[in-house]
N, C-alpha and C. Protein backbone atom coordinates (compact mmCIF):
# COMPACT_ATOMS: atom_id res chain seq x y z
N MET A 1 93.88 100.87 96.20
CA MET A 1 93.63 100.97 97.62
C MET A 1 94.91 100.84 98.43
N ALA A 2 95.87 100.01 97.96
CA ALA A 2 97.12 99.78 98.68
C ALA A 2 98.22 99.46 97.67
N THR A 3 99.47 99.63 98.10
CA THR A 3 100.60 99.31 97.24
C THR A 3 101.39 98.16 97.86
N LEU A 4 101.69 97.17 97.04
CA LEU A 4 102.44 96.00 97.46
C LEU A 4 103.86 96.11 96.94
N THR A 5 104.82 95.89 97.82
CA THR A 5 106.24 95.88 97.45
C THR A 5 106.86 94.59 97.96
N TYR A 6 107.60 93.92 97.10
CA TYR A 6 108.32 92.71 97.49
C TYR A 6 109.77 93.05 97.78
N VAL A 7 110.30 92.48 98.87
CA VAL A 7 111.73 92.59 99.18
C VAL A 7 112.25 91.16 99.10
N TYR A 8 112.70 90.79 97.92
CA TYR A 8 113.11 89.41 97.67
C TYR A 8 114.26 88.98 98.57
N ALA A 9 115.21 89.86 98.84
CA ALA A 9 116.38 89.51 99.67
C ALA A 9 115.97 89.09 101.07
N ASP A 10 114.86 89.65 101.58
CA ASP A 10 114.39 89.35 102.94
C ASP A 10 113.17 88.44 102.96
N SER A 11 112.74 87.96 101.79
CA SER A 11 111.53 87.13 101.69
C SER A 11 110.36 87.80 102.41
N THR A 12 110.14 89.06 102.07
CA THR A 12 109.12 89.87 102.74
C THR A 12 108.26 90.59 101.71
N ALA A 13 106.97 90.65 101.95
CA ALA A 13 106.05 91.45 101.15
C ALA A 13 105.49 92.54 102.07
N VAL A 14 105.54 93.79 101.61
CA VAL A 14 105.05 94.92 102.41
C VAL A 14 103.84 95.50 101.71
N LEU A 15 102.73 95.55 102.43
CA LEU A 15 101.49 96.13 101.91
C LEU A 15 101.23 97.41 102.69
N GLY A 16 101.24 98.54 102.00
CA GLY A 16 101.09 99.81 102.68
C GLY A 16 100.15 100.74 101.94
N PRO A 17 100.11 102.00 102.36
CA PRO A 17 99.23 102.97 101.72
C PRO A 17 99.55 103.10 100.23
N LEU A 18 98.58 103.51 99.46
CA LEU A 18 98.73 103.67 98.02
C LEU A 18 99.87 104.63 97.73
N ALA A 19 100.80 104.21 96.89
CA ALA A 19 101.96 105.04 96.54
C ALA A 19 101.52 106.25 95.72
N LEU A 20 102.26 107.33 95.85
CA LEU A 20 101.94 108.55 95.13
C LEU A 20 102.45 108.53 93.70
N ARG A 21 103.43 107.67 93.43
CA ARG A 21 103.95 107.56 92.06
C ARG A 21 104.31 106.11 91.78
N ALA A 22 104.39 105.79 90.49
CA ALA A 22 104.73 104.43 90.08
C ALA A 22 106.22 104.18 90.29
N GLU A 23 106.54 103.04 90.86
CA GLU A 23 107.93 102.63 91.09
C GLU A 23 108.08 101.20 90.56
N PRO A 24 109.25 100.87 90.02
CA PRO A 24 109.47 99.49 89.59
C PRO A 24 109.38 98.54 90.79
N GLY A 25 108.71 97.44 90.62
CA GLY A 25 108.59 96.46 91.70
C GLY A 25 107.48 96.74 92.67
N CYS A 26 106.69 97.77 92.45
CA CYS A 26 105.54 98.09 93.31
C CYS A 26 104.26 97.83 92.52
N TYR A 27 103.28 97.29 93.20
CA TYR A 27 102.04 96.94 92.54
C TYR A 27 100.86 97.51 93.33
N ASP A 28 100.00 98.26 92.66
CA ASP A 28 98.81 98.81 93.30
C ASP A 28 97.71 97.75 93.27
N LEU A 29 97.05 97.58 94.43
CA LEU A 29 96.00 96.57 94.57
C LEU A 29 94.68 97.22 94.95
N CYS A 30 93.59 96.62 94.51
CA CYS A 30 92.26 97.07 94.92
C CYS A 30 91.99 96.56 96.34
N ARG A 31 90.88 97.00 96.93
CA ARG A 31 90.52 96.61 98.29
C ARG A 31 90.41 95.09 98.43
N SER A 32 89.75 94.46 97.48
CA SER A 32 89.53 93.01 97.54
C SER A 32 90.85 92.24 97.52
N HIS A 33 91.73 92.60 96.61
CA HIS A 33 93.00 91.88 96.49
C HIS A 33 93.95 92.20 97.65
N SER A 34 93.92 93.42 98.18
CA SER A 34 94.79 93.72 99.32
C SER A 34 94.31 92.99 100.57
N ALA A 35 93.00 92.79 100.69
CA ALA A 35 92.46 92.07 101.86
C ALA A 35 92.77 90.59 101.81
N SER A 36 92.86 90.03 100.60
CA SER A 36 93.08 88.58 100.48
C SER A 36 94.52 88.23 100.10
N LEU A 37 95.44 89.14 100.30
CA LEU A 37 96.84 88.92 99.94
C LEU A 37 97.43 87.74 100.70
N SER A 38 98.09 86.88 99.98
CA SER A 38 98.86 85.80 100.61
C SER A 38 100.27 85.84 100.02
N VAL A 39 101.23 85.34 100.78
CA VAL A 39 102.62 85.37 100.34
C VAL A 39 103.13 83.94 100.22
N PRO A 40 104.22 83.74 99.49
CA PRO A 40 104.77 82.39 99.36
C PRO A 40 105.16 81.79 100.71
N ARG A 41 105.15 80.48 100.80
CA ARG A 41 105.54 79.78 102.02
C ARG A 41 106.96 80.20 102.41
N GLY A 42 107.15 80.53 103.70
CA GLY A 42 108.45 80.97 104.19
C GLY A 42 108.65 82.47 104.13
N TRP A 43 107.72 83.20 103.52
CA TRP A 43 107.81 84.65 103.43
C TRP A 43 107.03 85.27 104.58
N GLU A 44 107.32 86.53 104.85
CA GLU A 44 106.58 87.29 105.86
C GLU A 44 105.83 88.41 105.17
N ALA A 45 104.61 88.65 105.60
CA ALA A 45 103.81 89.77 105.09
C ALA A 45 103.73 90.84 106.17
N ILE A 46 104.09 92.05 105.81
CA ILE A 46 103.99 93.19 106.73
C ILE A 46 102.91 94.10 106.19
N ARG A 47 101.89 94.34 107.00
CA ARG A 47 100.79 95.24 106.60
C ARG A 47 100.92 96.53 107.38
N LEU A 48 101.22 97.61 106.69
CA LEU A 48 101.34 98.92 107.31
C LEU A 48 99.97 99.57 107.36
N PRO A 49 99.69 100.32 108.43
CA PRO A 49 98.39 101.00 108.47
C PRO A 49 98.31 102.02 107.34
N GLY A 50 97.13 102.13 106.79
CA GLY A 50 96.95 103.06 105.69
C GLY A 50 95.51 103.51 105.60
N GLU A 51 95.19 104.13 104.51
CA GLU A 51 93.85 104.69 104.32
C GLU A 51 92.78 103.60 104.33
N ALA A 52 93.13 102.39 103.92
CA ALA A 52 92.15 101.30 103.92
C ALA A 52 91.73 100.94 105.33
N ASP A 53 92.61 101.21 106.32
CA ASP A 53 92.33 100.86 107.70
C ASP A 53 91.61 101.95 108.48
N THR A 54 91.50 103.12 107.92
CA THR A 54 90.94 104.25 108.65
C THR A 54 89.78 104.86 107.88
N ALA A 55 89.00 105.64 108.59
CA ALA A 55 87.91 106.37 107.94
C ALA A 55 88.48 107.49 107.09
N ARG A 56 87.69 108.00 106.17
CA ARG A 56 88.13 109.11 105.33
C ARG A 56 88.41 110.32 106.21
N HIS A 57 89.42 111.09 105.84
CA HIS A 57 89.79 112.26 106.62
C HIS A 57 88.88 113.43 106.26
N SER A 58 88.58 114.24 107.26
CA SER A 58 87.73 115.40 107.02
C SER A 58 88.59 116.55 106.51
N SER A 59 87.94 117.61 106.05
CA SER A 59 88.69 118.78 105.58
C SER A 59 89.44 119.43 106.74
N ASP A 60 88.95 119.27 107.99
CA ASP A 60 89.68 119.80 109.16
C ASP A 60 91.02 119.08 109.32
N ASP A 61 91.03 117.75 109.11
CA ASP A 61 92.28 117.00 109.18
C ASP A 61 93.25 117.48 108.11
N LEU A 62 92.74 117.72 106.91
CA LEU A 62 93.58 118.17 105.81
C LEU A 62 94.16 119.56 106.11
N MET A 63 93.35 120.43 106.68
CA MET A 63 93.84 121.77 107.02
C MET A 63 94.88 121.71 108.14
N ALA A 64 94.69 120.82 109.11
CA ALA A 64 95.67 120.67 110.19
C ALA A 64 96.99 120.18 109.62
N LEU A 65 96.93 119.25 108.68
CA LEU A 65 98.15 118.76 108.04
C LEU A 65 98.84 119.87 107.25
N ALA A 66 98.06 120.64 106.51
CA ALA A 66 98.63 121.76 105.74
C ALA A 66 99.29 122.77 106.66
N ASP A 67 98.67 123.08 107.80
CA ASP A 67 99.26 124.01 108.75
C ASP A 67 100.56 123.47 109.34
N ALA A 68 100.59 122.18 109.65
CA ALA A 68 101.81 121.58 110.19
C ALA A 68 102.94 121.63 109.18
N VAL A 69 102.64 121.34 107.92
CA VAL A 69 103.66 121.40 106.87
C VAL A 69 104.14 122.83 106.70
N ARG A 70 103.24 123.78 106.75
CA ARG A 70 103.61 125.20 106.61
C ARG A 70 104.53 125.63 107.75
N ARG A 71 104.21 125.21 108.99
CA ARG A 71 105.06 125.58 110.14
C ARG A 71 106.46 125.00 110.00
N VAL A 72 106.54 123.75 109.56
CA VAL A 72 107.85 123.11 109.36
C VAL A 72 108.62 123.86 108.28
N GLY A 73 107.95 124.20 107.20
CA GLY A 73 108.60 124.93 106.11
C GLY A 73 109.11 126.29 106.53
N LEU A 74 108.43 126.92 107.48
CA LEU A 74 108.85 128.23 107.97
C LEU A 74 109.81 128.13 109.15
N GLY A 75 110.14 126.91 109.56
CA GLY A 75 111.08 126.73 110.66
C GLY A 75 110.44 126.86 112.02
N GLY A 76 109.11 126.80 112.11
CA GLY A 76 108.41 126.97 113.38
C GLY A 76 108.22 125.69 114.16
N ALA A 77 108.60 124.57 113.60
CA ALA A 77 108.44 123.29 114.31
C ALA A 77 109.64 122.41 114.03
N GLN A 78 109.98 121.62 115.00
CA GLN A 78 111.09 120.70 114.84
C GLN A 78 110.54 119.39 114.30
N VAL A 79 111.09 118.91 113.21
CA VAL A 79 110.58 117.72 112.56
C VAL A 79 110.98 116.47 113.32
N PHE A 80 112.24 116.40 113.75
CA PHE A 80 112.72 115.18 114.38
C PHE A 80 113.78 115.53 115.41
N ALA A 81 113.66 114.96 116.56
CA ALA A 81 114.65 115.19 117.60
C ALA A 81 115.10 113.84 118.14
N GLY A 82 116.38 113.58 118.08
CA GLY A 82 116.90 112.33 118.63
C GLY A 82 116.93 111.22 117.61
N GLU A 83 117.42 110.09 118.05
CA GLU A 83 117.53 108.91 117.21
C GLU A 83 116.18 108.20 117.11
N PRO A 84 115.87 107.62 115.95
CA PRO A 84 114.63 106.86 115.84
C PRO A 84 114.69 105.59 116.68
N VAL A 85 113.53 105.17 117.18
CA VAL A 85 113.45 103.95 117.98
C VAL A 85 112.96 102.83 117.06
N VAL A 86 113.83 101.86 116.80
CA VAL A 86 113.49 100.73 115.95
C VAL A 86 112.78 99.70 116.81
N THR A 87 111.55 99.34 116.42
CA THR A 87 110.77 98.38 117.20
C THR A 87 110.91 96.96 116.68
N ARG A 88 111.30 96.82 115.41
CA ARG A 88 111.42 95.49 114.82
C ARG A 88 112.30 95.59 113.59
N ARG A 89 113.09 94.57 113.36
CA ARG A 89 113.99 94.55 112.21
C ARG A 89 113.91 93.20 111.51
N LYS A 90 113.91 93.23 110.19
CA LYS A 90 113.94 92.01 109.38
C LYS A 90 114.87 92.31 108.21
N GLY A 91 116.06 91.73 108.26
CA GLY A 91 117.04 92.01 107.21
C GLY A 91 117.43 93.47 107.22
N HIS A 92 117.34 94.13 106.07
CA HIS A 92 117.68 95.55 106.02
C HIS A 92 116.47 96.46 106.24
N LEU A 93 115.30 95.88 106.48
CA LEU A 93 114.09 96.66 106.77
C LEU A 93 113.95 96.87 108.27
N ALA A 94 113.40 98.01 108.65
CA ALA A 94 113.17 98.28 110.07
C ALA A 94 111.83 98.99 110.23
N ILE A 95 111.14 98.70 111.31
CA ILE A 95 109.91 99.41 111.66
C ILE A 95 110.28 100.39 112.76
N VAL A 96 110.03 101.66 112.50
CA VAL A 96 110.39 102.73 113.42
C VAL A 96 109.15 103.18 114.17
N ALA A 97 109.29 103.34 115.49
CA ALA A 97 108.17 103.75 116.34
C ALA A 97 107.77 105.19 116.05
N ASP A 98 106.50 105.48 116.21
CA ASP A 98 105.98 106.84 116.09
C ASP A 98 106.58 107.68 117.19
N PRO A 99 107.22 108.84 116.88
CA PRO A 99 107.86 109.65 117.91
C PRO A 99 106.91 110.07 119.03
N GLU A 100 105.63 110.29 118.72
CA GLU A 100 104.68 110.71 119.76
C GLU A 100 104.44 109.58 120.77
N SER A 101 104.36 108.34 120.30
CA SER A 101 104.11 107.24 121.23
C SER A 101 105.33 106.93 122.08
N VAL A 102 106.53 107.22 121.58
CA VAL A 102 107.75 106.99 122.34
C VAL A 102 107.91 108.06 123.41
N ALA A 103 107.49 109.29 123.14
CA ALA A 103 107.64 110.41 124.06
C ALA A 103 106.77 110.27 125.30
N HIS A 104 105.67 109.51 125.20
CA HIS A 104 104.75 109.40 126.34
C HIS A 104 105.06 108.26 127.23
């Protein structure tokens, strides 16, 4: 349901969407264990929004995503314009704001 990654240098645990491939130091968790995750005293837990937090996507959502990827691949859309807006930083990790929410 979710992938847990530890950043020992920053005393941080990051719980995010299920990873697409296995990586050293990443652990896949079921719904029950991701909901009850606790970290060692003095550590920070960062929970990124993911599929566990949202309803299942419809085929229309999937087609919209495929069309967006196709447009980017054909050069019809600009992927990123300008510098990213960092909303929070902890050690070498940073949380970057969604470009759409910054534009409004």
